[in-house]
Amino acid sequence: MKKTLFALAGSVFLITGCSNMDTTQQRTLSGGAIGATAGAVGAAIFHSNPIWGAVGGAAVGAASGYVYDMYEKDKQAEYNKGYQAGKSGSKPSTSNTNSSSGSK
């Protein structure tokens, strides 16, 4: 009973501790947690040290979560730019144009 209560209290603490984070922090932390879990499980399956698997997985997962957040923010910024251009009736400028590519 005490273990269940302790686990429940720990879960509530972790959930409320993450409520004031912005999306970058949440995605980086989530990536790190998922990576740590996958690294530890993978290391245990291949009879290696799960601690080092968790450390490596956490690093890769946190970096992946951060990169994913930057991708999502860029995608949202492009959408907003197109939305505003459509709302004003002008043609949106593209940031990925290459002047040496010739006519399209």
C-alpha atoms as a PDB file:
ATOM      1  CA  MET A   1       0.000   0.000   0.000  1.00  0.00           C
ATOM      2  CA  LYS A   2       2.797   2.398   0.879  1.00  0.00           C
ATOM      3  CA  LYS A   3       4.582   1.717  -2.410  1.00  0.00           C
ATOM      4  CA  THR A   4       1.427   2.451  -4.391  1.00  0.00           C
ATOM      5  CA  LEU A   5       0.821   5.677  -2.491  1.00  0.00           C
ATOM      6  CA  PHE A   6       4.453   6.715  -2.954  1.00  0.00           C
ATOM      7  CA  ALA A   7       4.301   5.998  -6.693  1.00  0.00           C
ATOM      8  CA  LEU A   8       1.057   7.957  -7.025  1.00  0.00           C
ATOM      9  CA  ALA A   9       2.473  10.923  -5.123  1.00  0.00           C
ATOM     10  CA  GLY A  10       5.622  10.838  -7.260  1.00  0.00           C
ATOM     11  CA  SER A  11       3.572  10.794 -10.461  1.00  0.00           C
ATOM     12  CA  VAL A  12       1.476  13.760  -9.337  1.00  0.00           C
ATOM     13  CA  PHE A  13       4.655  15.650  -8.425  1.00  0.00           C
ATOM     14  CA  LEU A  14       6.207  14.979 -11.840  1.00  0.00           C
ATOM     15  CA  ILE A  15       3.063  15.983 -13.734  1.00  0.00           C
ATOM     16  CA  THR A  16       2.598  19.251 -11.840  1.00  0.00           C
ATOM     17  CA  GLY A  17       6.317  20.008 -12.064  1.00  0.00           C
ATOM     18  CA  CYS A  18       6.100  20.078 -15.867  1.00  0.00           C
ATOM     19  CA  SER A  19       3.011  22.287 -16.083  1.00  0.00           C
ATOM     20  CA  ASN A  20       4.939  25.582 -16.224  1.00  0.00           C
ATOM     21  CA  MET A  21       7.240  24.511 -19.049  1.00  0.00           C
ATOM     22  CA  ASP A  22       7.078  25.929 -22.546  1.00  0.00           C
ATOM     23  CA  THR A  23       6.810  23.603 -25.534  1.00  0.00           C
ATOM     24  CA  THR A  24      10.570  23.513 -26.133  1.00  0.00           C
ATOM     25  CA  GLN A  25      11.238  22.367 -22.590  1.00  0.00           C
ATOM     26  CA  GLN A  26       8.417  19.824 -22.686  1.00  0.00           C
ATOM     27  CA  ARG A  27       9.518  18.307 -25.983  1.00  0.00           C
ATOM     28  CA  THR A  28      13.173  18.190 -24.939  1.00  0.00           C
ATOM     29  CA  LEU A  29      12.319  16.559 -21.613  1.00  0.00           C
ATOM     30  CA  SER A  30       9.923  14.102 -23.234  1.00  0.00           C
ATOM     31  CA  GLY A  31      12.524  13.170 -25.831  1.00  0.00           C
ATOM     32  CA  GLY A  32      15.101  12.653 -23.113  1.00  0.00           C
ATOM     33  CA  ALA A  33      12.784  10.462 -21.059  1.00  0.00           C
ATOM     34  CA  ILE A  34      11.752   8.364 -24.038  1.00  0.00           C
ATOM     35  CA  GLY A  35      15.386   8.069 -25.158  1.00  0.00           C
ATOM     36  CA  ALA A  36      16.560   7.070 -21.688  1.00  0.00           C
ATOM     37  CA  THR A  37      13.918   4.365 -21.479  1.00  0.00           C
ATOM     38  CA  ALA A  38      14.683   3.041 -24.952  1.00  0.00           C
ATOM     39  CA  GLY A  39      18.435   3.142 -24.297  1.00  0.00           C
ATOM     40  CA  ALA A  40      18.147   1.282 -20.997  1.00  0.00           C
ATOM     41  CA  VAL A  41      15.859  -1.378 -22.473  1.00  0.00           C
ATOM     42  CA  GLY A  42      18.052  -1.762 -25.540  1.00  0.00           C
ATOM     43  CA  ALA A  43      21.194  -2.100 -23.436  1.00  0.00           C
ATOM     44  CA  ALA A  44      19.528  -4.677 -21.188  1.00  0.00           C
ATOM     45  CA  ILE A  45      18.371  -6.703 -24.188  1.00  0.00           C
ATOM     46  CA  PHE A  46      21.904  -6.812 -25.592  1.00  0.00           C
ATOM     47  CA  HIS A  47      23.406  -7.645 -22.166  1.00  0.00           C
ATOM     48  CA  SER A  48      25.154  -4.322 -21.744  1.00  0.00           C
ATOM     49  CA  ASN A  49      25.071  -1.829 -18.893  1.00  0.00           C
ATOM     50  CA  PRO A  50      21.567  -0.264 -18.778  1.00  0.00           C
ATOM     51  CA  ILE A  51      22.909   2.864 -17.067  1.00  0.00           C
ATOM     52  CA  TRP A  52      25.100   3.757 -20.043  1.00  0.00           C
ATOM     53  CA  GLY A  53      22.270   2.899 -22.401  1.00  0.00           C
ATOM     54  CA  ALA A  54      19.998   5.257 -20.505  1.00  0.00           C
ATOM     55  CA  VAL A  55      22.589   8.045 -20.520  1.00  0.00           C
ATOM     56  CA  GLY A  56      23.213   7.724 -24.248  1.00  0.00           C
ATOM     57  CA  GLY A  57      19.525   7.370 -25.022  1.00  0.00           C
ATOM     58  CA  ALA A  58      18.672  10.418 -22.930  1.00  0.00           C
ATOM     59  CA  ALA A  59      21.225  12.537 -24.770  1.00  0.00           C
ATOM     60  CA  VAL A  60      20.026  11.447 -28.197  1.00  0.00           C
ATOM     61  CA  GLY A  61      16.365  11.737 -27.172  1.00  0.00           C
ATOM     62  CA  ALA A  62      16.769  15.227 -25.710  1.00  0.00           C
ATOM     63  CA  ALA A  63      18.556  16.434 -28.829  1.00  0.00           C
ATOM     64  CA  SER A  64      15.864  14.875 -31.008  1.00  0.00           C
ATOM     65  CA  GLY A  65      13.113  16.493 -28.951  1.00  0.00           C
ATOM     66  CA  TYR A  66      14.766  19.888 -29.315  1.00  0.00           C
ATOM     67  CA  VAL A  67      15.217  19.510 -33.076  1.00  0.00           C
ATOM     68  CA  TYR A  68      11.587  18.386 -33.424  1.00  0.00           C
ATOM     69  CA  ASP A  69      10.453  21.473 -31.498  1.00  0.00           C
ATOM     70  CA  MET A  70      12.438  23.762 -33.796  1.00  0.00           C
ATOM     71  CA  TYR A  71      10.874  22.014 -36.817  1.00  0.00           C
ATOM     72  CA  GLU A  72       7.355  22.468 -35.438  1.00  0.00           C
ATOM     73  CA  LYS A  73       7.961  26.148 -34.649  1.00  0.00           C
ATOM     74  CA  ASP A  74       9.329  26.757 -38.155  1.00  0.00           C
ATOM     75  CA  LYS A  75       6.336  24.993 -39.671  1.00  0.00           C
ATOM     76  CA  GLN A  76       3.945  27.116 -37.603  1.00  0.00           C
ATOM     77  CA  ALA A  77       5.776  30.320 -38.572  1.00  0.00           C
ATOM     78  CA  GLU A  78       5.500  29.427 -42.280  1.00  0.00           C
ATOM     79  CA  TYR A  79       1.803  28.701 -41.872  1.00  0.00           C
ATOM     80  CA  ASN A  80       1.223  32.006 -40.095  1.00  0.00           C
ATOM     81  CA  LYS A  81       3.132  33.888 -42.793  1.00  0.00           C
ATOM     82  CA  GLY A  82       0.991  32.298 -45.516  1.00  0.00           C
ATOM     83  CA  TYR A  83      -2.179  32.897 -43.536  1.00  0.00           C
ATOM     84  CA  GLN A  84      -1.389  36.577 -43.074  1.00  0.00           C
ATOM     85  CA  ALA A  85      -0.488  36.956 -46.755  1.00  0.00           C
ATOM     86  CA  GLY A  86      -3.747  35.298 -47.781  1.00  0.00           C
ATOM     87  CA  LYS A  87      -5.710  37.443 -45.381  1.00  0.00           C
ATOM     88  CA  SER A  88      -4.189  40.625 -46.821  1.00  0.00           C
ATOM     89  CA  GLY A  89      -4.559  39.425 -50.421  1.00  0.00           C
ATOM     90  CA  SER A  90      -0.857  39.554 -51.214  1.00  0.00           C
ATOM     91  CA  LYS A  91       1.361  36.745 -52.430  1.00  0.00           C
ATOM     92  CA  PRO A  92       3.578  35.263 -49.673  1.00  0.00           C
ATOM     93  CA  SER A  93       7.313  35.487 -50.172  1.00  0.00           C
ATOM     94  CA  THR A  94       9.155  32.188 -49.917  1.00  0.00           C
ATOM     95  CA  SER A  95      12.322  32.005 -47.884  1.00  0.00           C
ATOM     96  CA  ASN A  96      13.638  28.925 -49.728  1.00  0.00           C
ATOM     97  CA  THR A  97      14.043  30.472 -53.182  1.00  0.00           C
ATOM     98  CA  ASN A  98      17.180  29.855 -55.180  1.00  0.00           C
ATOM     99  CA  SER A  99      17.937  32.502 -57.799  1.00  0.00           C
ATOM    100  CA  SER A 100      20.228  30.207 -59.799  1.00  0.00           C
ATOM    101  CA  SER A 101      17.542  27.554 -60.329  1.00  0.00           C
ATOM    102  CA  GLY A 102      16.098  29.280 -63.409  1.00  0.00           C
ATOM    103  CA  SER A 103      12.458  29.644 -64.326  1.00  0.00           C
ATOM    104  CA  LYS A 104       9.853  27.268 -62.985  1.00  0.00           C
END
